[in-house]
């Protein structure tokens, strides 16, 4: 499974009843933009209050999603560097194991 390469951007746009945090853009065919992922902060698509995420949490989620391609690439580079400097006979460190789990989760492996 692959993902749309970054960089992704975050743009907050007004809707009729709130805002949408647009994450993307994701390219389509022939160089056309295919679309964005949207996190809606309004009375129709989100559930503010005790039973749903708050506006600040939704924006934080959008920021994290926007950074995801960069975070994955950085983690892969760090792990590759670690593998190059670590003696082969050493056991896997808990931090490296956590990094490998995160990469597998992000890449669907």
N, C-alpha and C. Protein backbone atom coordinates (compact mmCIF):
# COMPACT_ATOMS: atom_id res chain seq x y z
N UNK A 1 0.85 -1.17 0.00
CA UNK A 1 0.00 0.00 0.00
C UNK A 1 0.90 1.23 0.00
N UNK A 2 0.61 2.18 -0.85
CA UNK A 2 1.40 3.39 -0.89
C UNK A 2 0.51 4.58 -0.56
N UNK A 3 1.16 5.68 -0.31
CA UNK A 3 0.42 6.91 0.01
C UNK A 3 0.84 8.00 -0.96
N UNK A 4 0.07 9.05 -0.99
CA UNK A 4 0.42 10.21 -1.80
C UNK A 4 1.63 10.88 -1.16
N UNK A 5 2.65 11.09 -1.95
CA UNK A 5 3.86 11.69 -1.40
C UNK A 5 3.59 13.13 -0.98
N UNK A 6 4.35 13.59 -0.04
CA UNK A 6 4.22 14.96 0.44
C UNK A 6 4.97 15.91 -0.46
N UNK A 7 5.06 17.14 -0.14
CA UNK A 7 4.49 17.66 1.10
C UNK A 7 2.98 17.84 0.99
N UNK A 8 2.32 17.59 2.09
CA UNK A 8 0.90 17.89 2.18
C UNK A 8 0.75 19.26 2.83
N UNK A 9 -0.32 19.91 2.53
CA UNK A 9 -0.57 21.22 3.11
C UNK A 9 -1.85 21.17 3.93
N UNK A 10 -2.01 22.16 4.76
CA UNK A 10 -3.21 22.30 5.56
C UNK A 10 -3.78 23.68 5.28
N UNK A 11 -5.03 23.70 4.89
CA UNK A 11 -5.72 24.96 4.62
C UNK A 11 -7.08 24.90 5.31
N UNK A 12 -7.39 25.90 6.10
CA UNK A 12 -8.69 25.98 6.76
C UNK A 12 -9.57 26.91 5.94
N UNK A 13 -10.71 26.39 5.51
CA UNK A 13 -11.64 27.18 4.70
C UNK A 13 -13.00 27.21 5.39
N UNK A 14 -13.71 28.29 5.18
CA UNK A 14 -15.05 28.42 5.77
C UNK A 14 -16.05 27.59 4.98
N UNK A 15 -16.99 27.00 5.71
CA UNK A 15 -18.12 26.33 5.09
C UNK A 15 -19.37 27.12 5.48
N UNK A 16 -20.52 26.65 5.04
CA UNK A 16 -21.75 27.36 5.39
C UNK A 16 -22.05 27.29 6.88
N UNK A 17 -21.56 26.25 7.55
CA UNK A 17 -21.88 26.08 8.97
C UNK A 17 -20.66 25.92 9.86
N UNK A 18 -19.49 26.27 9.40
CA UNK A 18 -18.29 26.14 10.21
C UNK A 18 -17.05 26.26 9.36
N UNK A 19 -16.11 25.34 9.55
CA UNK A 19 -14.88 25.34 8.77
C UNK A 19 -14.53 23.90 8.37
N UNK A 20 -13.67 23.80 7.38
CA UNK A 20 -13.12 22.52 6.94
C UNK A 20 -11.60 22.67 6.92
N UNK A 21 -10.91 21.75 7.60
CA UNK A 21 -9.45 21.71 7.53
C UNK A 21 -9.10 20.77 6.38
N UNK A 22 -8.66 21.37 5.26
CA UNK A 22 -8.34 20.60 4.05
C UNK A 22 -6.89 20.15 4.10
N UNK A 23 -6.70 18.84 3.93
CA UNK A 23 -5.37 18.24 3.94
C UNK A 23 -5.11 17.72 2.53
N UNK A 24 -3.98 18.03 1.99
CA UNK A 24 -3.65 17.57 0.64
C UNK A 24 -2.75 18.60 -0.01
N UNK A 25 -2.84 18.80 -1.29
CA UNK A 25 -3.73 18.16 -2.25
C UNK A 25 -3.17 16.81 -2.68
N UNK A 26 -4.06 15.98 -3.16
CA UNK A 26 -3.69 14.68 -3.67
C UNK A 26 -3.83 14.73 -5.18
N UNK A 27 -2.75 14.45 -5.91
CA UNK A 27 -2.81 14.57 -7.36
C UNK A 27 -3.66 13.49 -8.01
N UNK A 28 -4.29 13.84 -9.10
CA UNK A 28 -5.05 12.88 -9.88
C UNK A 28 -4.31 12.57 -11.17
N UNK A 29 -5.03 12.20 -12.17
CA UNK A 29 -4.41 11.87 -13.45
C UNK A 29 -4.14 13.13 -14.25
N UNK A 30 -3.19 13.04 -15.13
CA UNK A 30 -2.84 14.14 -16.05
C UNK A 30 -2.49 15.43 -15.32
N UNK A 31 -1.93 15.32 -14.13
CA UNK A 31 -1.52 16.50 -13.40
C UNK A 31 -2.65 17.26 -12.73
N UNK A 32 -3.87 16.75 -12.82
CA UNK A 32 -5.00 17.43 -12.17
C UNK A 32 -5.07 17.04 -10.70
N UNK A 33 -5.53 17.97 -9.91
CA UNK A 33 -5.71 17.71 -8.49
C UNK A 33 -6.92 16.81 -8.28
N UNK A 34 -6.74 15.74 -7.50
CA UNK A 34 -7.83 14.81 -7.26
C UNK A 34 -8.71 15.28 -6.10
N UNK A 35 -8.12 15.85 -5.10
CA UNK A 35 -8.93 16.30 -3.99
C UNK A 35 -8.15 16.41 -2.70
N UNK A 36 -8.88 16.58 -1.65
CA UNK A 36 -8.32 16.75 -0.32
C UNK A 36 -9.05 15.83 0.64
N UNK A 37 -8.41 15.58 1.76
CA UNK A 37 -9.11 15.00 2.89
C UNK A 37 -9.60 16.19 3.71
N UNK A 38 -10.78 16.10 4.24
CA UNK A 38 -11.32 17.22 5.02
C UNK A 38 -11.73 16.77 6.40
N UNK A 39 -11.39 17.58 7.37
CA UNK A 39 -11.89 17.41 8.73
C UNK A 39 -12.83 18.59 8.96
N UNK A 40 -14.10 18.28 9.11
CA UNK A 40 -15.11 19.32 9.27
C UNK A 40 -15.29 19.68 10.73
N UNK A 41 -15.36 20.98 10.98
CA UNK A 41 -15.65 21.49 12.31
C UNK A 41 -16.92 22.32 12.16
N UNK A 42 -18.04 21.62 12.22
CA UNK A 42 -19.32 22.31 12.12
C UNK A 42 -20.42 21.45 12.73
N UNK A 43 -21.60 21.95 12.77
CA UNK A 43 -22.71 21.27 13.42
C UNK A 43 -23.20 20.05 12.70
N UNK A 44 -22.82 19.85 11.44
CA UNK A 44 -23.32 18.73 10.67
C UNK A 44 -22.36 17.53 10.75
N UNK A 45 -21.07 17.77 10.58
CA UNK A 45 -20.11 16.68 10.46
C UNK A 45 -19.33 16.37 11.72
N UNK A 46 -19.30 17.24 12.69
CA UNK A 46 -18.58 16.96 13.93
C UNK A 46 -19.57 17.03 15.09
N UNK A 47 -19.14 16.51 16.20
CA UNK A 47 -20.02 16.44 17.35
C UNK A 47 -19.34 17.11 18.54
N UNK A 48 -19.38 18.45 18.60
CA UNK A 48 -18.75 19.13 19.73
C UNK A 48 -19.48 18.79 21.02
N UNK A 49 -18.78 18.95 22.11
CA UNK A 49 -19.37 18.67 23.40
C UNK A 49 -18.77 17.42 24.00
N UNK A 50 -19.43 16.86 25.00
CA UNK A 50 -18.84 15.74 25.73
C UNK A 50 -18.76 14.45 24.92
N UNK A 51 -19.48 14.34 23.82
CA UNK A 51 -19.52 13.10 23.05
C UNK A 51 -18.68 13.13 21.78
N UNK A 52 -17.94 14.17 21.55
CA UNK A 52 -17.15 14.25 20.33
C UNK A 52 -15.93 15.12 20.50
N UNK A 53 -15.09 15.16 19.47
CA UNK A 53 -13.85 15.93 19.57
C UNK A 53 -14.13 17.44 19.58
N UNK A 54 -13.26 18.13 20.26
CA UNK A 54 -13.32 19.59 20.32
C UNK A 54 -12.63 20.16 19.08
N UNK A 55 -12.93 21.43 18.81
CA UNK A 55 -12.35 22.09 17.63
C UNK A 55 -10.82 22.05 17.65
N UNK A 56 -10.21 22.28 18.82
CA UNK A 56 -8.75 22.26 18.92
C UNK A 56 -8.20 20.87 18.60
N UNK A 57 -8.92 19.81 19.05
CA UNK A 57 -8.48 18.45 18.78
C UNK A 57 -8.57 18.13 17.29
N UNK A 58 -9.62 18.58 16.64
CA UNK A 58 -9.77 18.34 15.20
C UNK A 58 -8.66 19.03 14.42
N UNK A 59 -8.31 20.26 14.80
CA UNK A 59 -7.22 20.97 14.14
C UNK A 59 -5.89 20.26 14.40
N UNK A 60 -5.68 19.79 15.62
CA UNK A 60 -4.45 19.06 15.94
C UNK A 60 -4.36 17.78 15.11
N UNK A 61 -5.49 17.09 14.93
CA UNK A 61 -5.50 15.89 14.09
C UNK A 61 -5.15 16.23 12.65
N UNK A 62 -5.68 17.34 12.15
CA UNK A 62 -5.39 17.77 10.78
C UNK A 62 -3.90 18.10 10.62
N UNK A 63 -3.32 18.75 11.62
CA UNK A 63 -1.89 19.06 11.56
C UNK A 63 -1.05 17.79 11.55
N UNK A 64 -1.43 16.82 12.37
CA UNK A 64 -0.70 15.56 12.42
C UNK A 64 -0.80 14.83 11.08
N UNK A 65 -1.98 14.80 10.48
CA UNK A 65 -2.13 14.15 9.18
C UNK A 65 -1.31 14.85 8.12
N UNK A 66 -1.27 16.17 8.17
CA UNK A 66 -0.49 16.94 7.20
C UNK A 66 1.00 16.60 7.31
N UNK A 67 1.46 16.36 8.52
CA UNK A 67 2.87 16.07 8.75
C UNK A 67 3.21 14.60 8.51
N UNK A 68 2.22 13.73 8.33
CA UNK A 68 2.45 12.29 8.24
C UNK A 68 3.49 11.87 7.21
N UNK A 69 3.45 12.35 5.96
CA UNK A 69 4.49 11.92 5.00
C UNK A 69 5.89 12.32 5.44
N UNK A 70 6.04 13.50 6.02
CA UNK A 70 7.34 13.96 6.49
C UNK A 70 7.80 13.14 7.69
N UNK A 71 6.88 12.84 8.60
CA UNK A 71 7.22 12.03 9.77
C UNK A 71 7.65 10.63 9.37
N UNK A 72 6.94 10.02 8.43
CA UNK A 72 7.29 8.68 7.96
C UNK A 72 8.67 8.68 7.32
N UNK A 73 8.93 9.63 6.45
CA UNK A 73 10.24 9.71 5.78
C UNK A 73 11.36 9.91 6.80
N UNK A 74 11.14 10.78 7.78
CA UNK A 74 12.16 11.03 8.80
C UNK A 74 12.41 9.79 9.64
N UNK A 75 11.36 9.09 10.01
CA UNK A 75 11.51 7.88 10.80
C UNK A 75 12.25 6.80 10.02
N UNK A 76 11.93 6.66 8.73
CA UNK A 76 12.63 5.68 7.90
C UNK A 76 14.12 6.02 7.79
N UNK A 77 14.44 7.31 7.62
CA UNK A 77 15.85 7.72 7.52
C UNK A 77 16.59 7.49 8.83
N UNK A 78 15.94 7.81 9.95
CA UNK A 78 16.57 7.60 11.26
C UNK A 78 16.84 6.12 11.49
N UNK A 79 15.88 5.28 11.15
CA UNK A 79 16.05 3.84 11.35
C UNK A 79 17.15 3.29 10.43
N UNK A 80 17.21 3.77 9.19
CA UNK A 80 18.27 3.33 8.28
C UNK A 80 19.64 3.74 8.83
N UNK A 81 19.75 4.94 9.38
CA UNK A 81 21.00 5.40 9.98
C UNK A 81 21.35 4.53 11.18
N UNK A 82 20.36 4.25 12.02
CA UNK A 82 20.58 3.41 13.18
C UNK A 82 21.07 2.03 12.76
N UNK A 83 20.45 1.46 11.74
CA UNK A 83 20.85 0.14 11.27
C UNK A 83 22.27 0.14 10.73
N UNK A 84 22.72 1.26 10.16
CA UNK A 84 24.08 1.35 9.63
C UNK A 84 25.14 1.45 10.72
N UNK A 85 24.80 2.03 11.86
CA UNK A 85 25.80 2.22 12.91
C UNK A 85 25.73 1.17 14.01
N UNK A 86 24.66 0.39 14.05
CA UNK A 86 24.46 -0.61 15.09
C UNK A 86 25.21 -1.89 14.72
N UNK A 87 25.98 -2.43 15.64
CA UNK A 87 26.63 -3.71 15.36
C UNK A 87 25.58 -4.80 15.13
N UNK A 88 25.86 -5.68 14.19
CA UNK A 88 24.90 -6.73 13.81
C UNK A 88 24.56 -7.63 14.98
N UNK A 89 25.52 -7.87 15.86
CA UNK A 89 25.29 -8.80 16.97
C UNK A 89 24.44 -8.21 18.09
N UNK A 90 24.13 -6.92 18.03
CA UNK A 90 23.32 -6.29 19.07
C UNK A 90 21.85 -6.66 18.91
N UNK A 91 21.18 -6.79 20.03
CA UNK A 91 19.73 -7.00 20.01
C UNK A 91 19.03 -5.73 19.58
N UNK A 92 17.82 -5.89 19.05
CA UNK A 92 17.00 -4.74 18.64
C UNK A 92 16.65 -3.91 19.87
N UNK A 93 16.88 -2.62 19.81
CA UNK A 93 16.52 -1.75 20.93
C UNK A 93 15.01 -1.55 20.95
N UNK A 94 14.43 -1.26 22.11
CA UNK A 94 12.99 -0.99 22.17
C UNK A 94 12.58 0.19 21.29
N UNK A 95 13.44 1.20 21.18
CA UNK A 95 13.13 2.36 20.35
C UNK A 95 13.10 1.98 18.87
N UNK A 96 14.05 1.17 18.43
CA UNK A 96 14.07 0.74 17.03
C UNK A 96 12.87 -0.16 16.74
N UNK A 97 12.52 -1.01 17.68
CA UNK A 97 11.34 -1.87 17.49
C UNK A 97 10.07 -1.04 17.39
N UNK A 98 9.97 -0.01 18.21
CA UNK A 98 8.81 0.89 18.14
C UNK A 98 8.76 1.61 16.79
N UNK A 99 9.92 2.04 16.31
CA UNK A 99 9.98 2.71 15.02
C UNK A 99 9.55 1.77 13.90
N UNK A 100 9.99 0.53 13.95
CA UNK A 100 9.60 -0.44 12.92
C UNK A 100 8.09 -0.71 12.96
N UNK A 101 7.52 -0.80 14.15
CA UNK A 101 6.06 -1.00 14.26
C UNK A 101 5.30 0.19 13.67
N UNK A 102 5.77 1.40 13.95
CA UNK A 102 5.11 2.60 13.43
C UNK A 102 5.19 2.64 11.90
N UNK A 103 6.33 2.28 11.36
CA UNK A 103 6.49 2.27 9.90
C UNK A 103 5.57 1.22 9.27
N UNK A 104 5.51 0.03 9.88
CA UNK A 104 4.60 -1.01 9.37
C UNK A 104 3.15 -0.55 9.43
N UNK A 105 2.79 0.12 10.49
CA UNK A 105 1.42 0.63 10.63
C UNK A 105 1.12 1.67 9.55
N UNK A 106 2.07 2.56 9.32
CA UNK A 106 1.88 3.62 8.33
C UNK A 106 1.84 3.10 6.91
N UNK A 107 2.57 2.00 6.65
CA UNK A 107 2.66 1.50 5.29
C UNK A 107 1.73 0.32 5.04
N UNK A 108 0.98 -0.10 6.04
CA UNK A 108 0.03 -1.19 5.88
C UNK A 108 0.66 -2.56 5.80
N UNK A 109 1.84 -2.71 6.36
CA UNK A 109 2.53 -4.01 6.30
C UNK A 109 2.28 -4.81 7.55
